[in-house]
């Protein structure tokens, strides 16, 4: 069965994807894209979960405790005359 895409935008996207993955035909490119989408339906959520975990880890590693940072001393140093 031949693949016929009426929408020009969708057809152009299929052609770009075909070139990107070096598929022999547009049909093969669309088949691979659909298989990937159906195989990995939670990929987007996994990405979000990974980014949230990374952000929490980053914040935990870079956060200074209040005893390490003296805001008053810092502000006072801005007004000192050198």
PDB file of N, CA and C in Angstrom:
ATOM      1  N   UNK A   1       0.848  -1.177   0.000  1.00  0.00           N
ATOM      2  CA  UNK A   1       0.000   0.000   0.000  1.00  0.00           C
ATOM      3  C   UNK A   1       0.895   1.243   0.000  1.00  0.00           C
ATOM      4  N   UNK A   2       0.612   2.137  -0.884  1.00  0.00           N
ATOM      5  CA  UNK A   2       1.395   3.365  -1.013  1.00  0.00           C
ATOM      6  C   UNK A   2       0.956   4.386   0.035  1.00  0.00           C
ATOM      7  N   UNK A   3       1.892   5.219   0.419  1.00  0.00           N
ATOM      8  CA  UNK A   3       1.603   6.276   1.384  1.00  0.00           C
ATOM      9  C   UNK A   3       1.348   7.567   0.625  1.00  0.00           C
ATOM     10  N   UNK A   4       0.187   8.168   0.863  1.00  0.00           N
ATOM     11  CA  UNK A   4      -0.140   9.434   0.231  1.00  0.00           C
ATOM     12  C   UNK A   4      -0.530  10.409   1.327  1.00  0.00           C
ATOM     13  N   UNK A   5       0.231  11.485   1.441  1.00  0.00           N
ATOM     14  CA  UNK A   5      -0.030  12.500   2.462  1.00  0.00           C
ATOM     15  C   UNK A   5      -0.555  13.739   1.754  1.00  0.00           C
ATOM     16  N   UNK A   6      -1.782  14.126   2.096  1.00  0.00           N
ATOM     17  CA  UNK A   6      -2.422  15.266   1.437  1.00  0.00           C
ATOM     18  C   UNK A   6      -1.894  16.607   1.949  1.00  0.00           C
ATOM     19  N   UNK A   7      -1.625  16.683   3.229  1.00  0.00           N
ATOM     20  CA  UNK A   7      -1.176  17.932   3.846  1.00  0.00           C
ATOM     21  C   UNK A   7       0.280  18.197   3.464  1.00  0.00           C
ATOM     22  N   UNK A   8       0.535  19.351   2.854  1.00  0.00           N
ATOM     23  CA  UNK A   8       1.886  19.667   2.386  1.00  0.00           C
ATOM     24  C   UNK A   8       2.883  19.823   3.536  1.00  0.00           C
ATOM     25  N   UNK A   9       2.426  20.370   4.646  1.00  0.00           N
ATOM     26  CA  UNK A   9       3.308  20.548   5.798  1.00  0.00           C
ATOM     27  C   UNK A   9       3.727  19.197   6.369  1.00  0.00           C
ATOM     28  N   UNK A  10       2.764  18.300   6.508  1.00  0.00           N
ATOM     29  CA  UNK A  10       3.065  16.960   7.022  1.00  0.00           C
ATOM     30  C   UNK A  10       3.973  16.215   6.051  1.00  0.00           C
ATOM     31  N   UNK A  11       3.713  16.377   4.755  1.00  0.00           N
ATOM     32  CA  UNK A  11       4.545  15.735   3.738  1.00  0.00           C
ATOM     33  C   UNK A  11       5.989  16.242   3.835  1.00  0.00           C
ATOM     34  N   UNK A  12       6.151  17.543   4.015  1.00  0.00           N
ATOM     35  CA  UNK A  12       7.491  18.118   4.133  1.00  0.00           C
ATOM     36  C   UNK A  12       8.195  17.608   5.391  1.00  0.00           C
ATOM     37  N   UNK A  13       7.446  17.498   6.483  1.00  0.00           N
ATOM     38  CA  UNK A  13       8.025  16.964   7.715  1.00  0.00           C
ATOM     39  C   UNK A  13       8.461  15.517   7.534  1.00  0.00           C
ATOM     40  N   UNK A  14       7.636  14.740   6.855  1.00  0.00           N
ATOM     41  CA  UNK A  14       7.980  13.337   6.597  1.00  0.00           C
ATOM     42  C   UNK A  14       9.241  13.241   5.746  1.00  0.00           C
ATOM     43  N   UNK A  15       9.367  14.112   4.765  1.00  0.00           N
ATOM     44  CA  UNK A  15      10.562  14.108   3.918  1.00  0.00           C
ATOM     45  C   UNK A  15      11.803  14.518   4.713  1.00  0.00           C
ATOM     46  N   UNK A  16      11.660  15.505   5.570  1.00  0.00           N
ATOM     47  CA  UNK A  16      12.796  15.922   6.407  1.00  0.00           C
ATOM     48  C   UNK A  16      13.222  14.798   7.342  1.00  0.00           C
ATOM     49  N   UNK A  17      12.231  14.116   7.927  1.00  0.00           N
ATOM     50  CA  UNK A  17      12.539  13.006   8.829  1.00  0.00           C
ATOM     51  C   UNK A  17      13.191  11.865   8.056  1.00  0.00           C
ATOM     52  N   UNK A  18      12.699  11.612   6.855  1.00  0.00           N
ATOM     53  CA  UNK A  18      13.279  10.576   6.002  1.00  0.00           C
ATOM     54  C   UNK A  18      14.760  10.860   5.757  1.00  0.00           C
ATOM     55  N   UNK A  19      15.071  12.102   5.440  1.00  0.00           N
ATOM     56  CA  UNK A  19      16.461  12.477   5.192  1.00  0.00           C
ATOM     57  C   UNK A  19      17.296  12.388   6.474  1.00  0.00           C
ATOM     58  N   UNK A  20      16.704  12.782   7.589  1.00  0.00           N
ATOM     59  CA  UNK A  20      17.440  12.792   8.858  1.00  0.00           C
ATOM     60  C   UNK A  20      17.830  11.387   9.306  1.00  0.00           C
ATOM     61  N   UNK A  21      16.928  10.427   9.104  1.00  0.00           N
ATOM     62  CA  UNK A  21      17.233   9.060   9.545  1.00  0.00           C
ATOM     63  C   UNK A  21      17.774   8.207   8.404  1.00  0.00           C
ATOM     64  N   UNK A  22      17.874   8.814   7.219  1.00  0.00           N
ATOM     65  CA  UNK A  22      18.391   8.138   6.023  1.00  0.00           C
ATOM     66  C   UNK A  22      17.568   6.901   5.665  1.00  0.00           C
ATOM     67  N   UNK A  23      16.243   7.056   5.747  1.00  0.00           N
ATOM     68  CA  UNK A  23      15.340   5.973   5.353  1.00  0.00           C
ATOM     69  C   UNK A  23      15.240   5.938   3.835  1.00  0.00           C
ATOM     70  N   UNK A  24      15.041   4.739   3.286  1.00  0.00           N
ATOM     71  CA  UNK A  24      14.965   4.601   1.829  1.00  0.00           C
ATOM     72  C   UNK A  24      13.699   5.232   1.264  1.00  0.00           C
ATOM     73  N   UNK A  25      12.614   5.129   2.020  1.00  0.00           N
ATOM     74  CA  UNK A  25      11.346   5.675   1.533  1.00  0.00           C
ATOM     75  C   UNK A  25      10.682   6.512   2.626  1.00  0.00           C
ATOM     76  N   UNK A  26       9.751   7.338   2.192  1.00  0.00           N
ATOM     77  CA  UNK A  26       8.980   8.142   3.137  1.00  0.00           C
ATOM     78  C   UNK A  26       8.114   7.227   4.002  1.00  0.00           C
ATOM     79  N   UNK A  27       7.598   6.164   3.406  1.00  0.00           N
ATOM     80  CA  UNK A  27       6.780   5.207   4.148  1.00  0.00           C
ATOM     81  C   UNK A  27       7.581   4.599   5.292  1.00  0.00           C
ATOM     82  N   UNK A  28       8.823   4.234   5.017  1.00  0.00           N
ATOM     83  CA  UNK A  28       9.688   3.660   6.046  1.00  0.00           C
ATOM     84  C   UNK A  28       9.948   4.673   7.161  1.00  0.00           C
ATOM     85  N   UNK A  29      10.142   5.916   6.806  1.00  0.00           N
ATOM     86  CA  UNK A  29      10.381   6.958   7.803  1.00  0.00           C
ATOM     87  C   UNK A  29       9.162   7.141   8.700  1.00  0.00           C
ATOM     88  N   UNK A  30       7.985   7.187   8.104  1.00  0.00           N
ATOM     89  CA  UNK A  30       6.751   7.352   8.884  1.00  0.00           C
ATOM     90  C   UNK A  30       6.534   6.132   9.771  1.00  0.00           C
ATOM     91  N   UNK A  31       6.802   4.931   9.246  1.00  0.00           N
ATOM     92  CA  UNK A  31       6.643   3.705  10.032  1.00  0.00           C
ATOM     93  C   UNK A  31       7.556   3.744  11.258  1.00  0.00           C
ATOM     94  N   UNK A  32       8.816   4.124  11.058  1.00  0.00           N
ATOM     95  CA  UNK A  32       9.757   4.180  12.179  1.00  0.00           C
ATOM     96  C   UNK A  32       9.342   5.227  13.212  1.00  0.00           C
ATOM     97  N   UNK A  33       8.874   6.365  12.739  1.00  0.00           N
ATOM     98  CA  UNK A  33       8.437   7.421  13.659  1.00  0.00           C
ATOM     99  C   UNK A  33       7.240   6.959  14.484  1.00  0.00           C
ATOM    100  N   UNK A  34       6.288   6.312  13.842  1.00  0.00           N
ATOM    101  CA  UNK A  34       5.104   5.828  14.559  1.00  0.00           C
ATOM    102  C   UNK A  34       5.465   4.719  15.538  1.00  0.00           C
ATOM    103  N   UNK A  35       6.339   3.806  15.129  1.00  0.00           N
ATOM    104  CA  UNK A  35       6.760   2.736  16.036  1.00  0.00           C
ATOM    105  C   UNK A  35       7.465   3.306  17.261  1.00  0.00           C
ATOM    106  N   UNK A  36       8.310   4.299  17.042  1.00  0.00           N
ATOM    107  CA  UNK A  36       9.017   4.919  18.162  1.00  0.00           C
ATOM    108  C   UNK A  36       8.026   5.609  19.098  1.00  0.00           C
ATOM    109  N   UNK A  37       7.072   6.313  18.535  1.00  0.00           N
ATOM    110  CA  UNK A  37       6.089   7.026  19.358  1.00  0.00           C
ATOM    111  C   UNK A  37       5.251   6.054  20.184  1.00  0.00           C
ATOM    112  N   UNK A  38       4.890   4.919  19.593  1.00  0.00           N
ATOM    113  CA  UNK A  38       4.081   3.941  20.316  1.00  0.00           C
ATOM    114  C   UNK A  38       4.910   3.129  21.307  1.00  0.00           C
ATOM    115  N   UNK A  39       6.173   2.934  21.018  1.00  0.00           N
ATOM    116  CA  UNK A  39       7.048   2.165  21.896  1.00  0.00           C
ATOM    117  C   UNK A  39       7.416   2.970  23.140  1.00  0.00           C
ATOM    118  N   UNK A  40       7.602   4.255  23.002  1.00  0.00           N
ATOM    119  CA  UNK A  40       8.071   5.105  24.096  1.00  0.00           C
ATOM    120  C   UNK A  40       7.052   6.181  24.465  1.00  0.00           C
ATOM    121  N   UNK A  41       5.846   5.799  24.891  1.00  0.00           N
ATOM    122  CA  UNK A  41       4.843   6.831  25.184  1.00  0.00           C
ATOM    123  C   UNK A  41       5.172   7.666  26.413  1.00  0.00           C
ATOM    124  N   UNK A  42       6.003   7.132  27.312  1.00  0.00           N
ATOM    125  CA  UNK A  42       6.315   7.861  28.543  1.00  0.00           C
ATOM    126  C   UNK A  42       7.644   8.595  28.471  1.00  0.00           C
ATOM    127  N   UNK A  43       8.221   8.703  27.290  1.00  0.00           N
ATOM    128  CA  UNK A  43       9.530   9.333  27.149  1.00  0.00           C
ATOM    129  C   UNK A  43       9.511  10.767  27.644  1.00  0.00           C
ATOM    130  N   UNK A  44       8.473  11.503  27.309  1.00  0.00           N
ATOM    131  CA  UNK A  44       8.401  12.904  27.725  1.00  0.00           C
ATOM    132  C   UNK A  44       8.343  13.008  29.248  1.00  0.00           C
ATOM    133  N   UNK A  45       7.532  12.174  29.883  1.00  0.00           N
ATOM    134  CA  UNK A  45       7.427  12.214  31.334  1.00  0.00           C
ATOM    135  C   UNK A  45       8.740  11.784  31.976  1.00  0.00           C
ATOM    136  N   UNK A  46       9.409  10.783  31.401  1.00  0.00           N
ATOM    137  CA  UNK A  46      10.706  10.365  31.926  1.00  0.00           C
ATOM    138  C   UNK A  46      11.690  11.525  31.882  1.00  0.00           C
ATOM    139  N   UNK A  47      11.674  12.283  30.800  1.00  0.00           N
ATOM    140  CA  UNK A  47      12.568  13.432  30.654  1.00  0.00           C
ATOM    141  C   UNK A  47      12.276  14.466  31.735  1.00  0.00           C
ATOM    142  N   UNK A  48      11.011  14.741  31.961  1.00  0.00           N
ATOM    143  CA  UNK A  48      10.622  15.716  32.984  1.00  0.00           C
ATOM    144  C   UNK A  48      11.082  15.232  34.358  1.00  0.00           C
ATOM    145  N   UNK A  49      10.864  13.955  34.645  1.00  0.00           N
ATOM    146  CA  UNK A  49      11.282  13.409  35.936  1.00  0.00           C
ATOM    147  C   UNK A  49      12.797  13.497  36.116  1.00  0.00           C
ATOM    148  N   UNK A  50      13.553  13.211  35.057  1.00  0.00           N
ATOM    149  CA  UNK A  50      15.016  13.297  35.131  1.00  0.00           C
ATOM    150  C   UNK A  50      15.463  14.732  35.372  1.00  0.00           C
ATOM    151  N   UNK A  51      14.817  15.692  34.712  1.00  0.00           N
ATOM    152  CA  UNK A  51      15.202  17.089  34.884  1.00  0.00           C
ATOM    153  C   UNK A  51      14.855  17.598  36.281  1.00  0.00           C
ATOM    154  N   UNK A  52      13.730  17.162  36.832  1.00  0.00           N
ATOM    155  CA  UNK A  52      13.363  17.551  38.196  1.00  0.00           C
ATOM    156  C   UNK A  52      14.384  16.988  39.181  1.00  0.00           C
ATOM    157  N   UNK A  53      14.759  15.722  38.998  1.00  0.00           N
ATOM    158  CA  UNK A  53      15.754  15.104  39.880  1.00  0.00           C
ATOM    159  C   UNK A  53      17.095  15.814  39.760  1.00  0.00           C
ATOM    160  N   UNK A  54      17.496  16.148  38.531  1.00  0.00           N
ATOM    161  CA  UNK A  54      18.764  16.848  38.324  1.00  0.00           C
ATOM    162  C   UNK A  54      18.727  18.212  39.009  1.00  0.00           C
ATOM    163  N   UNK A  55      17.611  18.917  38.861  1.00  0.00           N
ATOM    164  CA  UNK A  55      17.478  20.242  39.454  1.00  0.00           C
ATOM    165  C   UNK A  55      17.567  20.174  40.979  1.00  0.00           C
ATOM    166  N   UNK A  56      16.893  19.198  41.569  1.00  0.00           N
ATOM    167  CA  UNK A  56      16.946  19.050  43.026  1.00  0.00           C
ATOM    168  C   UNK A  56      18.363  18.723  43.487  1.00  0.00           C
ATOM    169  N   UNK A  57      19.040  17.836  42.760  1.00  0.00           N
ATOM    170  CA  UNK A  57      20.411  17.473  43.099  1.00  0.00           C
ATOM    171  C   UNK A  57      21.334  18.683  42.976  1.00  0.00           C
ATOM    172  N   UNK A  58      21.179  19.437  41.897  1.00  0.00           N
ATOM    173  CA  UNK A  58      22.000  20.630  41.683  1.00  0.00           C
ATOM    174  C   UNK A  58      21.791  21.639  42.802  1.00  0.00           C
ATOM    175  N   UNK A  59      20.533  21.886  43.145  1.00  0.00           N
ATOM    176  CA  UNK A  59      20.232  22.843  44.212  1.00  0.00           C
ATOM    177  C   UNK A  59      20.806  22.386  45.548  1.00  0.00           C
ATOM    178  N   UNK A  60      20.738  21.090  45.813  1.00  0.00           N
ATOM    179  CA  UNK A  60      21.262  20.574  47.079  1.00  0.00           C
ATOM    180  C   UNK A  60      22.774  20.740  47.151  1.00  0.00           C
ATOM    181  N   UNK A  61      23.451  20.574  46.007  1.00  0.00           N
ATOM    182  CA  UNK A  61      24.913  20.678  46.008  1.00  0.00           C
ATOM    183  C   UNK A  61      25.409  22.118  46.031  1.00  0.00           C
ATOM    184  N   UNK A  62      24.635  23.039  45.506  1.00  0.00           N
ATOM    185  CA  UNK A  62      25.118  24.415  45.391  1.00  0.00           C
ATOM    186  C   UNK A  62      24.573  25.348  46.460  1.00  0.00           C
ATOM    187  N   UNK A  63      23.653  24.890  47.238  1.00  0.00           N
ATOM    188  CA  UNK A  63      23.032  25.761  48.235  1.00  0.00           C
ATOM    189  C   UNK A  63      23.955  25.936  49.437  1.00  0.00           C
ATOM    190  N   UNK A  64      24.184  27.170  49.830  1.00  0.00           N
ATOM    191  CA  UNK A  64      24.990  27.454  51.010  1.00  0.00           C
ATOM    192  C   UNK A  64      24.080  27.508  52.226  1.00  0.00           C
ATOM    193  N   UNK A  65      24.614  27.051  53.318  1.00  0.00           N
ATOM    194  CA  UNK A  65      23.818  27.165  54.533  1.00  0.00           C
ATOM    195  C   UNK A  65      23.865  28.617  55.005  1.00  0.00           C
ATOM    196  N   UNK A  66      22.931  28.979  55.841  1.00  0.00           N
ATOM    197  CA  UNK A  66      22.862  30.362  56.311  1.00  0.00           C
ATOM    198  C   UNK A  66      24.074  30.719  57.161  1.00  0.00           C
ATOM    199  N   UNK A  67      24.690  29.749  57.806  1.00  0.00           N
ATOM    200  CA  UNK A  67      25.852  30.042  58.646  1.00  0.00           C
ATOM    201  C   UNK A  67      27.090  30.312  57.803  1.00  0.00           C
ATOM    202  N   UNK A  68      27.142  29.808  56.580  1.00  0.00           N
ATOM    203  CA  UNK A  68      28.302  30.013  55.719  1.00  0.00           C
ATOM    204  C   UNK A  68      28.295  31.393  55.067  1.00  0.00           C
ATOM    205  N   UNK A  69      27.137  31.995  54.933  1.00  0.00           N
ATOM    206  CA  UNK A  69      27.016  33.242  54.195  1.00  0.00           C
ATOM    207  C   UNK A  69      26.461  34.323  55.109  1.00  0.00           C
ATOM    208  N   UNK A  70      27.220  35.375  55.261  1.00  0.00           N
ATOM    209  CA  UNK A  70      26.800  36.483  56.112  1.00  0.00           C
ATOM    210  C   UNK A  70      26.371  37.637  55.210  1.00  0.00           C
ATOM    211  N   UNK A  71      25.078  37.762  55.012  1.00  0.00           N
ATOM    212  CA  UNK A  71      24.561  38.778  54.097  1.00  0.00           C
ATOM    213  C   UNK A  71      24.874  40.193  54.585  1.00  0.00           C
ATOM    214  N   UNK A  72      24.766  40.418  55.885  1.00  0.00           N
ATOM    215  CA  UNK A  72      25.042  41.759  56.410  1.00  0.00           C
ATOM    216  C   UNK A  72      26.486  42.166  56.131  1.00  0.00           C
ATOM    217  N   UNK A  73      27.414  41.248  56.340  1.00  0.00           N
ATOM    218  CA  UNK A  73      28.823  41.557  56.084  1.00  0.00           C
ATOM    219  C   UNK A  73      29.042  41.850  54.605  1.00  0.00           C
ATOM    220  N   UNK A  74      28.374  41.119  53.749  1.00  0.00           N
ATOM    221  CA  UNK A  74      28.504  41.355  52.314  1.00  0.00           C
ATOM    222  C   UNK A  74      27.978  42.741  51.940  1.00  0.00           C
ATOM    223  N   UNK A  75      26.802  43.088  52.428  1.00  0.00           N
ATOM    224  CA  UNK A  75      26.216  44.395  52.112  1.00  0.00           C
ATOM    225  C   UNK A  75      27.069  45.521  52.684  1.00  0.00           C
ATOM    226  N   UNK A  76      27.562  45.337  53.907  1.00  0.00           N
ATOM    227  CA  UNK A  76      28.440  46.351  54.496  1.00  0.00           C
ATOM    228  C   UNK A  76      29.696  46.544  53.656  1.00  0.00           C
ATOM    229  N   UNK A  77      30.214  45.460  53.093  1.00  0.00           N
ATOM    230  CA  UNK A  77      31.435  45.564  52.283  1.00  0.00           C
ATOM    231  C   UNK A  77      31.194  46.366  51.009  1.00  0.00           C
ATOM    232  N   UNK A  78      29.967  46.437  50.557  1.00  0.00           N
ATOM    233  CA  UNK A  78      29.657  47.215  49.359  1.00  0.00           C
ATOM    234  C   UNK A  78      29.765  48.714  49.615  1.00  0.00           C
ATOM    235  N   UNK A  79      29.588  49.114  50.866  1.00  0.00           N
ATOM    236  CA  UNK A  79      29.596  50.532  51.210  1.00  0.00           C
ATOM    237  C   UNK A  79      30.910  51.000  51.813  1.00  0.00           C
ATOM    238  N   UNK A  80      31.862  50.085  51.969  1.00  0.00           N
ATOM    239  CA  UNK A  80      33.156  50.476  52.521  1.00  0.00           C
ATOM    240  C   UNK A  80      33.911  51.322  51.514  1.00  0.00           C
ATOM    241  N   UNK A  81      34.604  52.305  52.030  1.00  0.00           N
ATOM    242  CA  UNK A  81      35.422  53.143  51.157  1.00  0.00           C
ATOM    243  C   UNK A  81      36.806  52.536  51.068  1.00  0.00           C
ATOM    244  N   UNK A  82      37.299  52.426  49.864  1.00  0.00           N
ATOM    245  CA  UNK A  82      38.637  51.843  49.655  1.00  0.00           C
ATOM    246  C   UNK A  82      39.639  52.908  49.370  1.00  0.00           C
TER     247      UNK A  82
END
